[in-house]
N, C-alpha and C. Protein backbone atom coordinates (compact mmCIF):
# COMPACT_ATOMS: atom_id res chain seq x y z
N UNK A 1 149.22 -100.06 -148.10
CA UNK A 1 150.03 -98.48 -148.21
C UNK A 1 150.63 -98.32 -147.12
N UNK A 2 150.67 -97.92 -146.62
CA UNK A 2 151.12 -96.70 -144.70
C UNK A 2 150.23 -96.84 -144.19
N UNK A 3 149.59 -96.45 -142.54
CA UNK A 3 148.01 -95.69 -142.55
C UNK A 3 148.19 -95.61 -140.66
N UNK A 4 147.70 -94.07 -140.95
CA UNK A 4 147.56 -94.05 -139.55
C UNK A 4 146.08 -94.60 -138.82
N UNK A 5 146.39 -94.74 -137.57
CA UNK A 5 144.84 -94.69 -136.99
C UNK A 5 144.64 -93.46 -136.26
N UNK A 6 143.32 -92.66 -136.24
CA UNK A 6 143.34 -91.21 -135.48
C UNK A 6 142.53 -92.31 -135.13
N UNK A 7 142.42 -91.62 -133.55
CA UNK A 7 141.51 -91.77 -132.94
C UNK A 7 139.99 -91.23 -133.54
N UNK A 8 138.18 -90.97 -132.17
CA UNK A 8 137.68 -91.13 -133.07
C UNK A 8 137.15 -89.57 -132.47
N UNK A 9 137.65 -89.19 -130.98
CA UNK A 9 137.48 -87.81 -129.90
C UNK A 9 138.31 -87.68 -129.33
N UNK A 10 138.61 -86.94 -131.02
CA UNK A 10 140.38 -85.53 -129.98
C UNK A 10 140.00 -85.04 -128.94
N UNK A 11 139.53 -85.16 -128.27
CA UNK A 11 138.71 -84.03 -127.66
C UNK A 11 139.51 -84.40 -125.94
N UNK A 12 139.16 -86.36 -126.21
CA UNK A 12 139.42 -86.58 -124.87
C UNK A 12 141.13 -87.65 -124.70
N UNK A 13 141.66 -87.36 -125.30
CA UNK A 13 143.23 -87.04 -125.35
C UNK A 13 143.44 -85.32 -124.83
N UNK A 14 144.88 -85.40 -123.42
CA UNK A 14 144.77 -84.79 -122.51
C UNK A 14 146.85 -84.65 -122.78
N UNK A 15 147.73 -83.35 -123.10
CA UNK A 15 148.76 -83.65 -123.53
C UNK A 15 149.13 -83.57 -121.70
N UNK A 16 150.80 -84.14 -121.35
CA UNK A 16 150.66 -85.15 -119.74
C UNK A 16 152.93 -84.40 -120.01
N UNK A 17 152.33 -84.29 -118.72
CA UNK A 17 153.73 -83.83 -118.06
C UNK A 17 153.97 -84.85 -117.13
N UNK A 18 155.29 -85.70 -117.53
CA UNK A 18 156.03 -86.48 -116.29
C UNK A 18 154.37 -87.19 -115.85
N UNK A 19 153.62 -87.55 -116.25
CA UNK A 19 152.14 -87.99 -116.17
C UNK A 19 151.16 -87.95 -116.01
N UNK A 20 151.09 -85.97 -115.45
CA UNK A 20 150.38 -85.18 -114.60
C UNK A 20 150.21 -83.97 -116.00
N UNK A 21 148.78 -84.29 -115.99
CA UNK A 21 148.01 -83.49 -118.04
C UNK A 21 147.85 -81.74 -116.08
N UNK A 22 147.97 -80.81 -116.90
CA UNK A 22 148.98 -79.16 -116.75
C UNK A 22 147.44 -78.02 -116.14
N UNK A 23 146.20 -79.67 -115.71
CA UNK A 23 145.38 -79.22 -114.68
C UNK A 23 146.54 -79.70 -113.02
N UNK A 24 146.17 -81.23 -113.04
CA UNK A 24 146.84 -81.19 -112.29
C UNK A 24 148.72 -81.18 -111.56
N UNK A 25 149.02 -80.28 -112.65
CA UNK A 25 150.36 -79.52 -112.14
C UNK A 25 150.68 -77.67 -111.61
N UNK A 26 149.42 -77.62 -112.49
CA UNK A 26 148.23 -76.39 -111.62
C UNK A 26 148.19 -76.32 -110.32
N UNK A 27 147.13 -78.39 -110.52
CA UNK A 27 147.10 -77.69 -108.80
C UNK A 27 148.13 -77.94 -107.38
N UNK A 28 148.76 -78.96 -107.52
CA UNK A 28 150.09 -79.25 -107.22
C UNK A 28 150.79 -78.26 -106.77
N UNK A 29 151.42 -77.71 -108.04
CA UNK A 29 151.63 -76.04 -107.28
C UNK A 29 151.28 -75.52 -106.66
N UNK A 30 149.49 -74.60 -106.93
CA UNK A 30 148.99 -73.91 -105.78
C UNK A 30 149.44 -74.21 -105.30
N UNK A 31 148.51 -75.82 -103.85
CA UNK A 31 148.61 -76.54 -103.24
C UNK A 31 150.18 -76.16 -102.13
N UNK A 32 151.60 -77.27 -103.09
CA UNK A 32 152.03 -76.78 -102.06
C UNK A 32 152.55 -75.49 -102.08
N UNK A 33 152.68 -74.31 -102.11
CA UNK A 33 152.95 -72.61 -101.87
C UNK A 33 151.67 -72.41 -100.64
N UNK A 34 151.28 -73.10 -100.69
CA UNK A 34 150.03 -72.97 -99.77
C UNK A 34 150.25 -73.32 -98.16
N UNK A 35 150.82 -74.74 -99.05
CA UNK A 35 151.97 -76.29 -97.77
C UNK A 35 152.11 -74.91 -97.30
N UNK A 36 153.47 -74.61 -98.05
CA UNK A 36 154.41 -73.38 -97.42
C UNK A 36 154.32 -72.91 -96.04
N UNK A 37 153.73 -71.75 -97.05
CA UNK A 37 152.89 -70.68 -96.35
C UNK A 37 152.72 -70.99 -94.96
N UNK A 38 151.44 -71.76 -95.21
CA UNK A 38 150.58 -72.58 -93.69
C UNK A 38 151.63 -72.78 -92.43
N UNK A 39 152.41 -73.54 -93.08
CA UNK A 39 153.06 -74.73 -92.31
C UNK A 39 154.40 -73.32 -92.03
N UNK A 40 154.79 -72.86 -93.35
CA UNK A 40 156.08 -71.47 -92.16
C UNK A 40 155.52 -70.86 -90.83
N UNK A 41 153.84 -70.52 -91.21
CA UNK A 41 154.00 -69.79 -90.21
C UNK A 41 152.35 -69.87 -88.73
N UNK A 42 153.22 -71.51 -88.76
CA UNK A 42 151.98 -71.71 -88.48
C UNK A 42 152.88 -72.31 -87.43
N UNK A 43 154.07 -73.42 -87.49
CA UNK A 43 154.42 -75.15 -86.83
C UNK A 43 155.53 -74.30 -85.58
N UNK A 44 155.46 -72.25 -85.74
CA UNK A 44 155.96 -71.79 -84.35
C UNK A 44 155.29 -71.82 -83.03
N UNK A 45 154.12 -70.49 -83.82
CA UNK A 45 152.88 -71.08 -83.08
C UNK A 45 152.19 -72.09 -81.73
N UNK A 46 151.83 -73.45 -83.29
CA UNK A 46 150.95 -74.62 -82.65
C UNK A 46 151.56 -75.72 -82.88
N UNK A 47 152.74 -76.05 -83.16
CA UNK A 47 152.89 -76.64 -83.55
C UNK A 47 154.20 -77.53 -84.83
N UNK A 48 155.03 -78.29 -84.73
CA UNK A 48 154.84 -78.59 -85.91
C UNK A 48 153.80 -79.97 -86.66
N UNK A 49 153.46 -80.95 -85.80
CA UNK A 49 151.80 -82.22 -86.10
C UNK A 49 150.80 -81.00 -86.72
N UNK A 50 150.66 -80.59 -85.37
CA UNK A 50 148.64 -79.76 -86.08
C UNK A 50 149.51 -78.49 -87.54
N UNK A 51 150.43 -78.09 -87.34
CA UNK A 51 150.06 -77.16 -88.15
C UNK A 51 150.69 -78.29 -89.86
N UNK A 52 151.16 -79.44 -89.38
CA UNK A 52 151.03 -80.19 -91.03
C UNK A 52 149.44 -79.91 -90.98
N UNK A 53 149.46 -80.92 -89.35
CA UNK A 53 147.62 -81.49 -90.02
C UNK A 53 146.91 -80.78 -91.23
N UNK A 54 146.77 -79.30 -90.26
CA UNK A 54 146.23 -78.59 -90.05
C UNK A 54 146.14 -77.50 -92.10
N UNK A 55 147.63 -77.35 -92.38
CA UNK A 55 147.63 -77.16 -93.84
C UNK A 55 147.44 -78.29 -94.89
N UNK A 56 147.61 -79.29 -94.16
CA UNK A 56 146.88 -80.44 -94.68
C UNK A 56 145.35 -80.33 -95.24
N UNK A 57 144.92 -79.63 -94.31
CA UNK A 57 142.87 -80.07 -94.74
C UNK A 57 142.86 -78.17 -94.92
N UNK A 58 143.34 -77.50 -95.04
CA UNK A 58 143.28 -76.91 -96.19
C UNK A 58 143.89 -76.51 -97.53
N UNK A 59 144.06 -77.82 -98.03
CA UNK A 59 144.73 -78.02 -99.93
C UNK A 59 144.05 -78.90 -99.71
N UNK A 60 143.37 -80.00 -99.49
CA UNK A 60 142.85 -81.13 -99.82
C UNK A 60 142.00 -80.48 -100.44
N UNK A 61 140.83 -79.32 -100.67
CA UNK A 61 140.16 -78.58 -101.53
C UNK A 61 140.57 -78.69 -102.87
N UNK A 62 142.31 -77.62 -102.86
CA UNK A 62 142.84 -77.54 -103.40
C UNK A 62 143.52 -78.74 -104.89
N UNK A 63 144.21 -79.66 -103.86
CA UNK A 63 144.50 -80.63 -105.05
C UNK A 63 142.94 -81.33 -105.31
N UNK A 64 141.67 -82.34 -104.82
CA UNK A 64 140.25 -82.43 -104.54
C UNK A 64 140.47 -81.20 -106.70
N UNK A 65 140.43 -80.41 -106.34
CA UNK A 65 139.39 -79.99 -107.70
C UNK A 65 140.58 -80.35 -108.77
N UNK A 66 141.94 -80.61 -108.22
CA UNK A 66 142.87 -80.59 -109.50
C UNK A 66 142.10 -82.00 -110.37
N UNK A 67 142.57 -82.86 -108.96
CA UNK A 67 141.98 -84.42 -109.44
C UNK A 67 140.78 -85.25 -110.05
N UNK A 68 140.48 -84.19 -109.46
CA UNK A 68 138.63 -85.06 -109.23
C UNK A 68 138.32 -85.00 -111.27
N UNK A 69 137.53 -86.16 -111.32
CA UNK A 69 137.24 -85.42 -113.32
C UNK A 69 136.38 -86.86 -113.01
N UNK A 70 134.71 -87.09 -113.42
CA UNK A 70 134.04 -87.94 -113.56
C UNK A 70 133.24 -87.85 -114.84
N UNK A 71 133.78 -88.39 -116.01
CA UNK A 71 133.07 -88.55 -117.22
C UNK A 71 133.54 -87.26 -118.49
N UNK A 72 134.47 -86.36 -118.25
CA UNK A 72 134.70 -85.81 -118.91
C UNK A 72 134.01 -84.25 -117.91
N UNK A 73 134.23 -84.63 -116.90
CA UNK A 73 133.19 -82.98 -115.83
C UNK A 73 134.17 -83.02 -115.00
N UNK A 74 134.43 -81.41 -114.82
CA UNK A 74 135.19 -81.75 -113.77
C UNK A 74 134.01 -80.80 -112.76
N UNK A 75 135.10 -80.80 -110.76
CA UNK A 75 134.47 -81.01 -109.95
C UNK A 75 133.58 -78.94 -110.34
N UNK A 76 134.51 -78.46 -110.95
CA UNK A 76 134.29 -76.85 -110.45
C UNK A 76 132.15 -77.10 -111.26
N UNK A 77 132.69 -77.91 -112.69
CA UNK A 77 131.34 -77.74 -113.05
C UNK A 77 130.24 -78.56 -112.69
N UNK A 78 130.42 -80.36 -112.12
CA UNK A 78 130.13 -80.52 -110.83
C UNK A 78 128.31 -79.75 -110.32
N UNK A 79 129.47 -78.08 -109.71
CA UNK A 79 128.64 -77.33 -108.58
C UNK A 79 128.07 -76.49 -109.59
N UNK A 80 128.13 -76.77 -110.71
CA UNK A 80 127.99 -74.94 -111.06
C UNK A 80 126.06 -75.72 -111.36
N UNK A 81 127.02 -77.33 -112.56
CA UNK A 81 125.36 -78.03 -113.08
C UNK A 81 124.46 -77.86 -111.20
N UNK A 82 124.59 -77.94 -110.57
CA UNK A 82 124.03 -79.15 -109.13
C UNK A 82 123.89 -76.74 -108.94
N UNK A 83 123.83 -76.37 -109.13
CA UNK A 83 123.21 -74.83 -108.37
C UNK A 83 122.60 -74.34 -109.17
N UNK A 84 122.85 -74.66 -110.82
CA UNK A 84 122.17 -74.41 -111.77
C UNK A 84 120.26 -74.69 -111.39
N UNK A 85 120.91 -76.58 -111.15
CA UNK A 85 119.70 -76.94 -111.56
C UNK A 85 118.24 -76.88 -110.22
N UNK A 86 119.08 -76.25 -109.12
CA UNK A 86 118.19 -76.29 -107.77
C UNK A 86 117.96 -74.84 -108.21
N UNK A 87 118.77 -74.09 -108.47
CA UNK A 87 117.84 -72.76 -109.12
C UNK A 87 117.15 -72.33 -109.92
N UNK A 88 116.91 -73.42 -110.97
CA UNK A 88 115.34 -72.92 -111.80
C UNK A 88 114.64 -74.46 -111.68
N UNK A 89 115.38 -75.62 -110.72
CA UNK A 89 113.74 -76.23 -110.05
C UNK A 89 112.78 -75.45 -110.46
N UNK A 90 111.70 -75.62 -110.83
CA UNK A 90 110.49 -75.27 -110.95
C UNK A 90 109.18 -76.03 -111.51
N UNK A 91 108.86 -77.11 -110.39
CA UNK A 91 107.99 -77.36 -111.28
C UNK A 91 106.87 -77.96 -112.46
N UNK A 92 106.87 -78.66 -112.18
CA UNK A 92 106.97 -78.42 -114.06
C UNK A 92 104.75 -79.62 -114.11
N UNK A 93 104.29 -77.73 -115.26
CA UNK A 93 103.00 -78.49 -114.93
C UNK A 93 102.36 -78.96 -116.52
N UNK A 94 101.83 -80.03 -115.68
CA UNK A 94 101.20 -80.41 -117.60
C UNK A 94 100.25 -79.83 -117.99
N UNK A 95 99.71 -79.36 -118.70
CA UNK A 95 98.63 -78.70 -119.26
C UNK A 95 98.29 -79.86 -120.36
N UNK A 96 96.62 -79.66 -120.71
CA UNK A 96 96.47 -79.98 -121.70
C UNK A 96 94.56 -79.41 -121.86
N UNK A 97 94.72 -78.95 -122.73
CA UNK A 97 93.46 -79.17 -122.90
C UNK A 97 92.46 -80.33 -123.53
N UNK A 98 91.32 -79.73 -122.51
CA UNK A 98 89.71 -80.69 -122.61
C UNK A 98 88.93 -80.01 -124.03
N UNK A 99 89.15 -81.36 -124.97
CA UNK A 99 88.41 -81.03 -126.05
C UNK A 99 86.68 -81.28 -126.06
N UNK A 100 86.92 -82.40 -125.15
CA UNK A 100 85.48 -82.60 -124.96
C UNK A 100 84.02 -81.01 -124.16
N UNK A 101 84.61 -81.17 -122.61
CA UNK A 101 83.95 -79.79 -122.72
C UNK A 101 84.16 -78.60 -123.35
N UNK A 102 85.38 -78.21 -124.15
CA UNK A 102 85.55 -77.01 -125.07
C UNK A 102 83.66 -77.29 -125.68
N UNK A 103 83.92 -78.79 -126.73
CA UNK A 103 82.66 -78.78 -127.76
C UNK A 103 81.73 -78.91 -126.98
N UNK A 104 81.65 -78.63 -125.45
CA UNK A 104 80.20 -79.28 -125.16
C UNK A 104 79.49 -77.15 -124.39
N UNK A 105 80.57 -76.38 -124.44
CA UNK A 105 80.40 -74.89 -124.48
C UNK A 105 80.29 -74.32 -125.68
N UNK A 106 80.79 -74.86 -126.50
CA UNK A 106 80.55 -74.79 -127.36
C UNK A 106 78.62 -74.79 -128.09
N UNK A 107 78.52 -76.15 -127.77
CA UNK A 107 77.35 -76.41 -128.19
C UNK A 107 76.46 -75.39 -126.99
N UNK A 108 76.79 -75.24 -126.38
CA UNK A 108 75.47 -74.50 -124.82
C UNK A 108 75.60 -73.27 -125.38
N UNK A 109 76.85 -72.78 -126.31
CA UNK A 109 76.06 -70.92 -126.47
C UNK A 109 76.07 -70.97 -128.00
N UNK A 110 76.02 -72.21 -128.66
CA UNK A 110 75.42 -72.16 -129.86
C UNK A 110 73.53 -72.09 -129.47
N UNK A 111 73.06 -73.58 -128.95
CA UNK A 111 71.95 -73.50 -128.43
C UNK A 111 71.68 -72.03 -127.84
N UNK A 112 71.84 -71.23 -127.11
CA UNK A 112 71.53 -70.43 -126.99
C UNK A 112 71.78 -68.86 -127.42
N UNK A 113 72.58 -69.07 -128.38
CA UNK A 113 72.89 -68.18 -129.86
C UNK A 113 71.23 -68.78 -130.78
N UNK A 114 70.49 -69.32 -131.05
CA UNK A 114 69.69 -70.22 -131.32
C UNK A 114 68.72 -69.69 -130.73
N UNK A 115 68.46 -69.97 -129.31
CA UNK A 115 67.20 -69.69 -128.65
C UNK A 115 67.12 -68.54 -128.81
N UNK A 116 67.33 -66.94 -128.96
CA UNK A 116 67.44 -65.59 -128.98
C UNK A 116 67.42 -65.49 -130.17
N UNK A 117 67.28 -66.05 -130.97
CA UNK A 117 67.27 -65.72 -132.41
C UNK A 117 65.90 -65.96 -132.31
């Protein structure tokens, strides 16, 4: 009988177009728009070469956001986790009850109560 193997973790399967994920295509299109606008506005003012360098420096974070993924966690999620960690990181205090001193205090109180009676 014929059967089809199904991967155990379907979440890791990503839909791809032209060997790019949807996230990568969106980041490429946004960065292409920004590079066109920035370059076309700056090339007459400061020159072609410098305008290209500036536009690449500006669009690099957009492309990095689209492509970076480490263990299924995207960059903005890592940044949120880091901010949450440092915002909510308070010193952990380990508190215990010392039954020995508690027992001594109760004995002293019992002796004091017996003496008064």
